Protein backbone atom coordinates (compact mmCIF):
# COMPACT_ATOMS: atom_id res chain seq x y z
CA MET A 1 0.00 0.00 0.00
CA ALA A 2 1.39 3.38 -1.02
CA MET A 3 1.70 6.37 1.30
CA ASP A 4 0.10 9.70 0.59
CA ALA A 5 1.86 13.05 0.85
CA VAL A 6 -0.06 14.08 3.96
CA GLU A 7 1.11 11.00 5.87
CA ILE A 8 4.72 11.60 4.85
CA GLU A 9 4.50 15.21 6.00
CA GLN A 10 2.89 14.24 9.32
CA LEU A 11 5.59 11.68 10.11
CA ILE A 12 8.37 14.16 9.39
CA LYS A 13 6.74 16.94 11.42
CA ALA A 14 6.12 14.58 14.34
CA SER A 15 9.85 13.85 14.52
CA ILE A 16 11.28 17.23 13.48
CA ALA A 17 9.02 19.71 15.24
CA ASP A 18 9.93 22.89 13.34
CA ALA A 19 10.10 21.22 9.92
CA GLN A 20 8.67 22.99 6.93
CA VAL A 21 7.84 20.19 4.52
CA THR A 22 7.01 20.44 0.82
CA ILE A 23 6.01 17.20 -0.88
CA GLU A 24 5.53 16.66 -4.60
CA ASP A 25 4.10 13.48 -6.14
CA LEU A 26 6.46 13.10 -9.09
CA ARG A 27 4.43 10.63 -11.16
CA GLY A 28 0.94 10.95 -9.74
CA ASP A 29 1.11 7.33 -8.61
CA GLY A 30 1.55 7.81 -4.85
CA ASP A 31 4.86 5.92 -5.02
CA HIS A 32 7.43 8.47 -6.22
CA TYR A 33 7.82 11.66 -4.22
CA ALA A 34 10.17 14.59 -3.91
CA ALA A 35 10.44 16.29 -0.53
CA LEU A 36 12.06 19.47 0.66
CA VAL A 37 12.49 19.56 4.43
CA VAL A 38 13.65 22.82 6.03
CA SER A 39 14.55 22.84 9.73
CA ALA A 40 16.75 24.69 12.20
CA GLU A 41 17.43 21.26 13.74
CA PHE A 42 19.76 20.66 10.79
CA VAL A 43 22.23 23.31 12.01
CA GLY A 44 25.69 21.81 12.49
CA LYS A 45 24.75 18.53 10.82
CA SER A 46 26.14 17.18 7.58
CA ARG A 47 23.81 16.58 4.64
CA VAL A 48 24.00 12.84 5.36
CA GLN A 49 22.99 13.40 9.00
CA GLN A 50 20.11 15.63 7.90
CA HIS A 51 18.83 12.93 5.53
CA GLN A 52 19.22 10.28 8.24
CA MET A 53 17.00 12.39 10.51
CA VAL A 54 14.28 12.48 7.86
CA TYR A 55 14.57 8.75 7.09
CA ARG A 56 14.31 7.94 10.83
CA ALA A 57 11.16 10.08 10.94
CA LEU A 58 9.65 7.84 8.26
CA GLN A 59 9.91 4.91 10.69
CA GLY A 60 11.17 2.24 8.31
CA ARG A 61 8.62 2.89 5.58
CA MET A 62 11.28 3.72 2.95
CA GLY A 63 11.52 0.93 0.41
CA GLY A 64 8.21 -0.56 1.52
CA GLN A 65 5.16 1.69 1.72
CA LEU A 66 7.25 4.55 0.38
CA HIS A 67 8.94 3.37 -2.79
CA ALA A 68 11.00 6.40 -3.81
CA LEU A 69 11.78 9.74 -2.20
CA ALA A 70 14.00 12.39 -3.81
CA LEU A 71 15.02 14.21 -0.65
CA GLN A 72 16.42 17.71 -0.22
CA THR A 73 17.15 19.24 3.17
CA ALA A 74 17.98 22.85 4.00
CA LEU A 75 18.36 25.34 6.80
CA PRO A 76 15.76 28.10 7.13
CA GLY A 77 16.55 30.89 4.67
CA ALA A 78 18.79 28.64 2.58
CA GLU A 79 16.17 26.58 0.78
CA ASN A 80 16.67 28.23 -2.62
């Protein structure tokens, strides 16, 4: 069963309280998403650590319910 964008956003926000999350369904199939996650909690963390935080927030659903996620992370004010 595929995940919807709202569920992805809720999981991320539940784990990263100040996260600003933008989700795009890339193919319209509910299986391939792009996400931009902006959070001050990323300060001082490498890009890999930032992505690990987001993947942990998804609670093991990557590769199962969530087939593909093109992930971008940024600090507030640096998302462009």
